[in-house]
Structure formats: structure tokens, C-alpha cells
Amino acid sequence: VQLQASGGGLVQAGGSLRLSCAASGSSLDYFLIAWFRQAPGKEREGVSCIYRSGSSPYYTRSVRGRFTISRDNAKNTVYLQMSSLKPEDTAVYFCAARAIRVPVSQCLNPVVYDVWGQGTLVTVSS
């Protein structure tokens, strides 16, 4: 599978953006999908993950209540709806896929993912 992330841009604090992660070459129906972000000078951070069923998505604490992950298997796409954006959300956002389930405790660990899309830059101005 190949992943293509899009939807980044410049937004003011408090605004919203929706990122998309489109898959080609294989169905996303069989994959665990996660969003990660990396700010300049910082390590890659797990943001959210969603399992094949779409139930019980998981979020890192800093985005809970503001971000929503969803998947449309018919469109082979996973979304990250970001609201109430803060300057500290500024980063390059990546989506990643894994074929085999891992415990939720590991779903935001970047090392467990073997397929990555290119990043999309999100810049939140204050």
C-alpha cells in the first residue's frame, strides 16, 4: 500500500483543518492507521490511531477533545479533523499503516509502522 497525506496549510489559532490520508495499491480496510507529527527539532509524536473496525480510536492526551480520526474504507481514506488548533500543533503530519494489530498501548509508537506517507505541513499562527 502507498499512502498520500494532504490537507495541511496555514491556519490561525482556534481554527480547523482536515487532513486526509489516501491509500493506493491495497485496501485500507485491513490496516491499523495512525497519524504522527514532527515539529522542528523534536521527535516524531503519535497523535491518533484507528483500528480496522473504526471503533475505539485513540488519541494522545494533548489533542483529546480537539482532534477526531475517522476512516472511510469505501474511499480508502483516513481523516484527521483538527479543531481549536494551537500554535503548538504546528508540525509536519504523517500517516502510517500497519497490517497486523498491536495493543492500543503500542498504536502510537512509530517503530511498529512499516508504511508511511509523505508529510503535510500544518502551521498554526498565534
C-alpha atoms as a PDB file:
ATOM      1  CA  VAL A   1       0.000   0.000   0.000  1.00  0.00           C
ATOM      2  CA  GLN A   2       1.093   3.573  -0.670  1.00  0.00           C
ATOM      3  CA  LEU A   3      -0.155   6.463   1.444  1.00  0.00           C
ATOM      4  CA  GLN A   4      -0.666  10.069   0.395  1.00  0.00           C
ATOM      5  CA  ALA A   5      -1.276  12.679   3.089  1.00  0.00           C
ATOM      6  CA  SER A   6      -2.829  16.032   2.223  1.00  0.00           C
ATOM      7  CA  GLY A   7      -4.805  18.893   3.685  1.00  0.00           C
ATOM      8  CA  GLY A   8      -2.148  20.806   5.558  1.00  0.00           C
ATOM      9  CA  GLY A   9      -1.870  24.558   5.438  1.00  0.00           C
ATOM     10  CA  LEU A  10      -1.682  27.785   7.388  1.00  0.00           C
ATOM     11  CA  VAL A  11      -4.443  28.484   9.880  1.00  0.00           C
ATOM     12  CA  GLN A  12      -4.941  30.890  12.741  1.00  0.00           C
ATOM     13  CA  ALA A  13      -5.098  29.674  16.317  1.00  0.00           C
ATOM     14  CA  GLY A  14      -8.575  28.420  17.085  1.00  0.00           C
ATOM     15  CA  GLY A  15      -9.166  27.378  13.504  1.00  0.00           C
ATOM     16  CA  SER A  16      -9.698  23.988  11.929  1.00  0.00           C
ATOM     17  CA  LEU A  17      -8.163  21.779   9.275  1.00  0.00           C
ATOM     18  CA  ARG A  18      -8.942  18.320   7.966  1.00  0.00           C
ATOM     19  CA  LEU A  19      -6.095  16.089   6.907  1.00  0.00           C
ATOM     20  CA  SER A  20      -6.615  13.168   4.564  1.00  0.00           C
ATOM     21  CA  CYS A  21      -4.575  10.008   4.138  1.00  0.00           C
ATOM     22  CA  ALA A  22      -5.451   8.294   0.874  1.00  0.00           C
ATOM     23  CA  ALA A  23      -4.283   4.776   0.132  1.00  0.00           C
ATOM     24  CA  SER A  24      -3.496   3.166  -3.174  1.00  0.00           C
ATOM     25  CA  GLY A  25      -2.286  -0.274  -4.121  1.00  0.00           C
ATOM     26  CA  SER A  26      -4.262  -2.031  -1.427  1.00  0.00           C
ATOM     27  CA  SER A  27      -7.363  -1.651   0.663  1.00  0.00           C
ATOM     28  CA  LEU A  28      -7.059   0.246   3.907  1.00  0.00           C
ATOM     29  CA  ASP A  29      -9.751  -1.989   5.301  1.00  0.00           C
ATOM     30  CA  TYR A  30      -7.128  -4.383   6.618  1.00  0.00           C
ATOM     31  CA  PHE A  31      -4.822  -1.885   8.284  1.00  0.00           C
ATOM     32  CA  LEU A  32      -4.280  -0.069  11.513  1.00  0.00           C
ATOM     33  CA  ILE A  33      -3.745   3.595  10.623  1.00  0.00           C
ATOM     34  CA  ALA A  34      -2.134   6.312  12.686  1.00  0.00           C
ATOM     35  CA  TRP A  35      -1.282   9.961  12.404  1.00  0.00           C
ATOM     36  CA  PHE A  36       2.047  11.251  13.648  1.00  0.00           C
ATOM     37  CA  ARG A  37       3.573  14.706  13.717  1.00  0.00           C
ATOM     38  CA  GLN A  38       7.042  16.107  13.917  1.00  0.00           C
ATOM     39  CA  ALA A  39       7.823  19.662  14.855  1.00  0.00           C
ATOM     40  CA  PRO A  40      11.205  21.226  14.047  1.00  0.00           C
ATOM     41  CA  GLY A  41      13.860  19.926  16.383  1.00  0.00           C
ATOM     42  CA  LYS A  42      11.527  17.451  18.049  1.00  0.00           C
ATOM     43  CA  GLU A  43      10.954  13.728  17.842  1.00  0.00           C
ATOM     44  CA  ARG A  44       8.093  12.250  15.879  1.00  0.00           C
ATOM     45  CA  GLU A  45       4.999  12.101  18.081  1.00  0.00           C
ATOM     46  CA  GLY A  46       1.991   9.828  17.784  1.00  0.00           C
ATOM     47  CA  VAL A  47      -1.240  11.810  17.521  1.00  0.00           C
ATOM     48  CA  SER A  48      -4.041   9.342  16.921  1.00  0.00           C
ATOM     49  CA  CYS A  49      -4.691   5.821  15.699  1.00  0.00           C
ATOM     50  CA  ILE A  50      -7.699   3.926  14.415  1.00  0.00           C
ATOM     51  CA  TYR A  51      -8.197   0.213  14.043  1.00  0.00           C
ATOM     52  CA  ARG A  52      -9.748  -1.606  11.125  1.00  0.00           C
ATOM     53  CA  SER A  53     -13.245  -1.551  12.628  1.00  0.00           C
ATOM     54  CA  GLY A  54     -13.091   2.182  13.207  1.00  0.00           C
ATOM     55  CA  SER A  55     -14.194   1.750  16.792  1.00  0.00           C
ATOM     56  CA  SER A  56     -12.327   2.997  19.860  1.00  0.00           C
ATOM     57  CA  PRO A  57      -9.879   5.408  18.234  1.00  0.00           C
ATOM     58  CA  TYR A  58      -7.031   6.508  20.464  1.00  0.00           C
ATOM     59  CA  TYR A  59      -5.559   9.974  20.930  1.00  0.00           C
ATOM     60  CA  THR A  60      -2.540  11.394  22.595  1.00  0.00           C
ATOM     61  CA  ARG A  61      -3.510  13.487  25.587  1.00  0.00           C
ATOM     62  CA  SER A  62      -2.645  16.873  24.077  1.00  0.00           C
ATOM     63  CA  VAL A  63      -5.209  16.531  21.263  1.00  0.00           C
ATOM     64  CA  ARG A  64      -8.097  14.784  23.010  1.00  0.00           C
ATOM     65  CA  GLY A  65     -11.323  16.667  22.576  1.00  0.00           C
ATOM     66  CA  ARG A  66      -9.892  18.701  19.686  1.00  0.00           C
ATOM     67  CA  PHE A  67      -8.932  16.126  17.049  1.00  0.00           C
ATOM     68  CA  THR A  68     -11.070  13.375  15.575  1.00  0.00           C
ATOM     69  CA  ILE A  69      -9.792  10.482  13.494  1.00  0.00           C
ATOM     70  CA  SER A  70     -12.114   8.624  11.163  1.00  0.00           C
ATOM     71  CA  ARG A  71     -11.890   6.249   8.256  1.00  0.00           C
ATOM     72  CA  ASP A  72     -13.939   5.738   5.110  1.00  0.00           C
ATOM     73  CA  ASN A  73     -12.985   2.302   3.873  1.00  0.00           C
ATOM     74  CA  ALA A  74     -15.105   2.749   0.749  1.00  0.00           C
ATOM     75  CA  LYS A  75     -12.925   5.718  -0.214  1.00  0.00           C
ATOM     76  CA  ASN A  76      -9.755   4.078   1.083  1.00  0.00           C
ATOM     77  CA  THR A  77      -9.101   7.199   3.134  1.00  0.00           C
ATOM     78  CA  VAL A  78      -8.459   8.089   6.759  1.00  0.00           C
ATOM     79  CA  TYR A  79      -9.118  11.594   8.032  1.00  0.00           C
ATOM     80  CA  LEU A  80      -7.883  13.697  10.913  1.00  0.00           C
ATOM     81  CA  GLN A  81     -10.252  16.531  11.735  1.00  0.00           C
ATOM     82  CA  MET A  82      -8.358  19.110  13.776  1.00  0.00           C
ATOM     83  CA  SER A  83     -10.222  21.840  15.634  1.00  0.00           C
ATOM     84  CA  SER A  84      -9.300  24.500  18.173  1.00  0.00           C
ATOM     85  CA  LEU A  85      -5.808  24.451  16.755  1.00  0.00           C
ATOM     86  CA  LYS A  86      -2.972  25.860  18.812  1.00  0.00           C
ATOM     87  CA  PRO A  87       0.455  27.138  17.745  1.00  0.00           C
ATOM     88  CA  GLU A  88       1.988  24.087  19.414  1.00  0.00           C
ATOM     89  CA  ASP A  89       0.137  21.902  16.891  1.00  0.00           C
ATOM     90  CA  THR A  90       2.448  23.253  14.201  1.00  0.00           C
ATOM     91  CA  ALA A  91       4.308  20.313  12.660  1.00  0.00           C
ATOM     92  CA  VAL A  92       4.628  18.095   9.641  1.00  0.00           C
ATOM     93  CA  TYR A  93       1.901  15.477   9.900  1.00  0.00           C
ATOM     94  CA  PHE A  94       2.389  11.938   8.605  1.00  0.00           C
ATOM     95  CA  CYS A  95       0.064   8.995   8.259  1.00  0.00           C
ATOM     96  CA  ALA A  96       1.265   5.436   8.675  1.00  0.00           C
ATOM     97  CA  ALA A  97      -0.180   1.950   8.257  1.00  0.00           C
ATOM     98  CA  ARG A  98       0.341  -1.455   9.770  1.00  0.00           C
ATOM     99  CA  ALA A  99      -1.196  -4.733   8.662  1.00  0.00           C
ATOM    100  CA  ILE A 100      -1.130  -6.566  11.974  1.00  0.00           C
ATOM    101  CA  ARG A 101      -2.916  -5.450  15.100  1.00  0.00           C
ATOM    102  CA  VAL A 102      -0.911  -4.256  18.058  1.00  0.00           C
ATOM    103  CA  PRO A 103      -2.179  -3.401  21.544  1.00  0.00           C
ATOM    104  CA  VAL A 104      -3.520   0.110  21.933  1.00  0.00           C
ATOM    105  CA  SER A 105      -0.539   0.821  24.170  1.00  0.00           C
ATOM    106  CA  GLN A 106       1.641   0.495  21.074  1.00  0.00           C
ATOM    107  CA  CYS A 107      -0.561   2.068  18.413  1.00  0.00           C
ATOM    108  CA  LEU A 108       1.172   5.470  18.708  1.00  0.00           C
ATOM    109  CA  ASN A 109       4.665   4.011  18.646  1.00  0.00           C
ATOM    110  CA  PRO A 110       6.222   4.942  15.271  1.00  0.00           C
ATOM    111  CA  VAL A 111       8.521   1.917  15.205  1.00  0.00           C
ATOM    112  CA  VAL A 112       5.623  -0.526  14.746  1.00  0.00           C
ATOM    113  CA  TYR A 113       4.580   1.009  11.427  1.00  0.00           C
ATOM    114  CA  ASP A 114       6.094  -0.152   8.180  1.00  0.00           C
ATOM    115  CA  VAL A 115       4.263   2.004   5.638  1.00  0.00           C
ATOM    116  CA  TRP A 116       4.486   5.786   5.738  1.00  0.00           C
ATOM    117  CA  GLY A 117       3.079   8.563   3.637  1.00  0.00           C
ATOM    118  CA  GLN A 118       4.901  11.782   2.912  1.00  0.00           C
ATOM    119  CA  GLY A 119       4.193  14.580   5.345  1.00  0.00           C
ATOM    120  CA  THR A 120       1.849  17.500   5.085  1.00  0.00           C
ATOM    121  CA  LEU A 121       2.754  20.732   6.858  1.00  0.00           C
ATOM    122  CA  VAL A 122       0.354  22.300   9.339  1.00  0.00           C
ATOM    123  CA  THR A 123       1.220  25.793  10.538  1.00  0.00           C
ATOM    124  CA  VAL A 124      -0.869  27.431  13.240  1.00  0.00           C
ATOM    125  CA  SER A 125      -0.281  31.142  13.732  1.00  0.00           C
ATOM    126  CA  SER A 126      -0.932  32.903  17.016  1.00  0.00           C
END
